């Protein structure tokens, strides 16, 4: 097993750790942020870095494998959805956002299965897909340290740094949601000929 695939597996192993930390009931705070969510954020950042790193290593060393092609996108989906569900459970993210992300992933995964069966037709990542990935990671990283619910900045209850952070999280979550919808649409549009 090459290094890129080991990093992908490491990213999947980090997900259960991400989920367990909030269950530990750590009470300490750092700058008003519970240490629990700082640790979760650090693990998410490390996992996100391995996502970029494993792809770079696989391409630069010419070590792209079928196993890596299968597992890498799966690891990304598991990581992002686990992070979003943690935020939903903590009352800081509305459930409709991860539902949209999940629906898009089912559509794209279904398309890929059909594409492989029909001879490996591939649609390159669109600008919407790239925007989705970047804004998703930024939104989640910041959401873990924003202790206020999504959209709270527009209810007039926040001020100062709390308002700014919540506004940034809200904007990035909305951008990633729109990008998720449009990148899913791009896949559907690209698959019309294939499905016919």
Protein backbone atom coordinates (compact mmCIF):
# COMPACT_ATOMS: atom_id res chain seq x y z
CA UNK A 1 0.00 0.00 0.00
CA UNK A 2 1.43 3.35 -1.03
CA UNK A 3 1.71 6.51 1.10
CA UNK A 4 -1.24 8.27 -0.57
CA UNK A 5 -3.58 5.39 0.27
CA UNK A 6 -2.26 5.24 3.83
CA UNK A 7 -3.10 8.94 4.22
CA UNK A 8 -6.62 8.29 2.92
CA UNK A 9 -7.11 5.48 5.45
CA UNK A 10 -5.68 7.74 8.18
CA UNK A 11 -8.32 10.35 7.24
CA UNK A 12 -11.08 7.75 7.69
CA UNK A 13 -9.61 6.69 11.06
CA UNK A 14 -9.76 10.33 12.23
CA UNK A 15 -13.56 10.42 11.75
CA UNK A 16 -14.43 8.19 14.77
CA UNK A 17 -12.01 10.26 16.87
CA UNK A 18 -13.82 13.40 15.66
CA UNK A 19 -17.11 11.87 16.81
CA UNK A 20 -15.85 10.57 20.18
CA UNK A 21 -14.32 13.85 21.43
CA UNK A 22 -17.68 15.64 22.04
CA UNK A 23 -18.79 12.58 24.07
CA UNK A 24 -15.90 12.99 26.53
CA UNK A 25 -17.58 15.92 28.29
CA UNK A 26 -14.48 18.12 28.51
CA UNK A 27 -15.39 21.29 30.43
CA UNK A 28 -12.31 23.47 29.87
CA UNK A 29 -12.46 26.53 27.64
CA UNK A 30 -9.86 28.45 25.70
CA UNK A 31 -10.73 32.05 24.79
CA UNK A 32 -14.39 31.27 25.51
CA UNK A 33 -14.44 28.26 23.16
CA UNK A 34 -14.90 24.79 24.70
CA UNK A 35 -11.70 22.75 24.35
CA UNK A 36 -13.88 19.95 22.90
CA UNK A 37 -14.63 21.97 19.76
CA UNK A 38 -11.05 23.21 19.43
CA UNK A 39 -9.84 19.58 19.44
CA UNK A 40 -12.55 18.58 16.95
CA UNK A 41 -11.50 21.50 14.74
CA UNK A 42 -7.80 20.54 14.88
CA UNK A 43 -8.62 16.96 13.89
CA UNK A 44 -10.84 18.18 11.04
CA UNK A 45 -8.05 20.48 9.80
CA UNK A 46 -5.50 17.63 9.92
CA UNK A 47 -7.92 15.37 8.02
CA UNK A 48 -8.54 18.11 5.43
CA UNK A 49 -4.79 18.56 4.93
CA UNK A 50 -4.37 14.81 4.31
CA UNK A 51 -7.07 15.14 1.62
CA UNK A 52 -4.93 17.59 -0.33
CA UNK A 53 -1.71 15.76 0.49
CA UNK A 54 -2.75 12.27 -0.60
CA UNK A 55 -3.91 13.51 -4.01
CA UNK A 56 -0.70 15.47 -4.53
CA UNK A 57 1.49 12.51 -3.50
CA UNK A 58 -0.43 10.06 -5.69
CA UNK A 59 -0.11 12.29 -8.78
CA UNK A 60 3.46 13.47 -8.24
CA UNK A 61 4.78 9.93 -7.61
CA UNK A 62 2.59 8.38 -10.30
CA UNK A 63 0.93 6.22 -7.64
CA UNK A 64 -2.71 6.70 -8.60
CA UNK A 65 -4.50 3.41 -7.85
CA UNK A 66 -8.03 2.07 -8.32
CA UNK A 67 -8.20 1.66 -4.53
CA UNK A 68 -7.27 5.33 -4.08
CA UNK A 69 -9.77 6.49 -6.71
CA UNK A 70 -12.50 4.63 -4.85
CA UNK A 71 -11.52 5.42 -1.25
CA UNK A 72 -10.40 9.07 -1.52
CA UNK A 73 -13.79 10.59 -2.48
CA UNK A 74 -15.51 8.25 -0.01
CA UNK A 75 -13.22 9.45 2.81
CA UNK A 76 -14.01 13.07 1.90
CA UNK A 77 -17.76 12.47 2.03
CA UNK A 78 -17.54 10.64 5.37
CA UNK A 79 -15.43 13.43 6.88
CA UNK A 80 -17.60 16.34 5.69
CA UNK A 81 -20.93 14.70 6.56
CA UNK A 82 -19.68 13.56 9.99
CA UNK A 83 -18.55 17.13 10.72
CA UNK A 84 -21.86 18.62 9.58
CA UNK A 85 -23.90 16.10 11.58
CA UNK A 86 -21.90 16.98 14.71
CA UNK A 87 -22.83 20.63 14.14
CA UNK A 88 -26.52 19.71 13.59
CA UNK A 89 -26.52 17.64 16.79
CA UNK A 90 -25.04 20.57 18.70
CA UNK A 91 -27.79 22.87 17.38
CA UNK A 92 -25.47 25.09 15.34
CA UNK A 93 -26.38 23.99 11.84
CA UNK A 94 -29.84 23.38 10.33
CA UNK A 95 -30.35 19.83 9.05
CA UNK A 96 -31.32 21.00 5.53
CA UNK A 97 -27.68 21.89 4.75
CA UNK A 98 -26.20 18.39 5.20
CA UNK A 99 -29.34 16.94 3.56
CA UNK A 100 -28.54 18.93 0.39
CA UNK A 101 -24.88 17.81 0.58
CA UNK A 102 -25.94 14.18 1.07
CA UNK A 103 -28.44 14.30 -1.82
CA UNK A 104 -25.77 15.71 -4.13
CA UNK A 105 -23.33 12.96 -3.09
CA UNK A 106 -25.91 10.25 -3.83
CA UNK A 107 -26.58 11.77 -7.26
CA UNK A 108 -22.87 12.03 -8.11
CA UNK A 109 -22.07 8.53 -6.78
CA UNK A 110 -24.99 7.07 -8.76
CA UNK A 111 -23.78 8.82 -11.88
CA UNK A 112 -20.24 7.48 -11.37
CA UNK A 113 -21.55 3.90 -11.04
CA UNK A 114 -23.42 4.23 -14.34
CA UNK A 115 -20.40 5.89 -15.99
CA UNK A 116 -18.09 3.03 -14.97
CA UNK A 117 -20.57 0.47 -16.28
CA UNK A 118 -20.84 2.32 -19.60
CA UNK A 119 -17.13 2.50 -20.27
CA UNK A 120 -15.65 4.92 -17.76
CA UNK A 121 -17.02 8.25 -19.02
CA UNK A 122 -15.65 10.97 -16.75
CA UNK A 123 -16.82 14.53 -16.20
CA UNK A 124 -14.06 16.83 -14.97
CA UNK A 125 -14.63 18.75 -11.75
CA UNK A 126 -16.43 22.00 -12.56
CA UNK A 127 -15.77 25.42 -11.07
CA UNK A 128 -18.83 24.77 -8.87
CA UNK A 129 -17.28 21.57 -7.53
CA UNK A 130 -14.03 23.33 -6.70
CA UNK A 131 -15.88 26.23 -5.06
CA UNK A 132 -17.97 23.74 -3.07
CA UNK A 133 -14.90 21.97 -1.71
CA UNK A 134 -13.04 25.12 -0.67
CA UNK A 135 -16.01 26.90 0.90
CA UNK A 136 -17.17 23.70 2.61
CA UNK A 137 -13.84 23.24 4.38
CA UNK A 138 -13.63 26.92 5.43
CA UNK A 139 -17.26 26.92 6.63
CA UNK A 140 -16.81 23.78 8.75
CA UNK A 141 -13.46 24.86 10.23
CA UNK A 142 -14.96 28.19 11.32
CA UNK A 143 -18.32 26.67 12.40
CA UNK A 144 -16.59 24.43 14.94
CA UNK A 145 -15.32 27.49 16.85
CA UNK A 146 -18.47 29.59 16.36
CA UNK A 147 -20.60 28.75 19.38
CA UNK A 148 -23.68 30.46 17.96
CA UNK A 149 -26.34 28.85 15.76
CA UNK A 150 -26.30 29.31 11.99
CA UNK A 151 -27.90 32.61 10.91
CA UNK A 152 -27.81 34.04 14.48
CA UNK A 153 -26.01 37.15 13.17
CA UNK A 154 -29.22 38.18 11.38
CA UNK A 155 -31.38 37.92 14.51
CA UNK A 156 -29.73 40.93 16.17
CA UNK A 157 -28.51 39.02 19.23
CA UNK A 158 -24.76 39.13 18.49
CA UNK A 159 -22.17 41.88 18.50
CA UNK A 160 -18.44 42.32 18.00
CA UNK A 161 -16.34 39.25 17.22
CA UNK A 162 -19.25 36.83 17.72
CA UNK A 163 -21.27 38.69 15.09
CA UNK A 164 -18.39 38.76 12.58
CA UNK A 165 -17.52 35.07 13.01
CA UNK A 166 -21.15 33.97 12.76
CA UNK A 167 -21.68 36.16 9.68
CA UNK A 168 -18.61 34.62 7.97
CA UNK A 169 -19.74 31.07 8.86
CA UNK A 170 -23.27 31.80 7.60
CA UNK A 171 -22.00 33.27 4.32
CA UNK A 172 -19.58 30.39 3.66
CA UNK A 173 -22.25 27.79 4.53
CA UNK A 174 -24.67 29.43 2.12
CA UNK A 175 -22.04 29.66 -0.64
CA UNK A 176 -21.06 26.01 -0.22
CA UNK A 177 -24.75 25.01 -0.30
CA UNK A 178 -25.36 26.92 -3.55
CA UNK A 179 -22.13 25.49 -5.02
CA UNK A 180 -23.22 21.99 -3.92
CA UNK A 181 -26.53 22.39 -5.77
CA UNK A 182 -24.91 23.74 -8.95
CA UNK A 183 -22.11 21.15 -8.97
CA UNK A 184 -24.76 18.42 -8.66
CA UNK A 185 -26.66 20.02 -11.52
CA UNK A 186 -23.44 19.99 -13.61
CA UNK A 187 -23.18 16.24 -13.07
CA UNK A 188 -26.81 15.71 -14.08
CA UNK A 189 -26.35 17.90 -17.15
CA UNK A 190 -23.17 16.03 -18.11
CA UNK A 191 -24.85 12.66 -17.65
CA UNK A 192 -27.82 13.29 -19.98
CA UNK A 193 -26.19 11.56 -22.96
CA UNK A 194 -24.96 8.73 -20.79
CA UNK A 195 -28.40 8.10 -19.30
CA UNK A 196 -30.04 8.17 -22.75
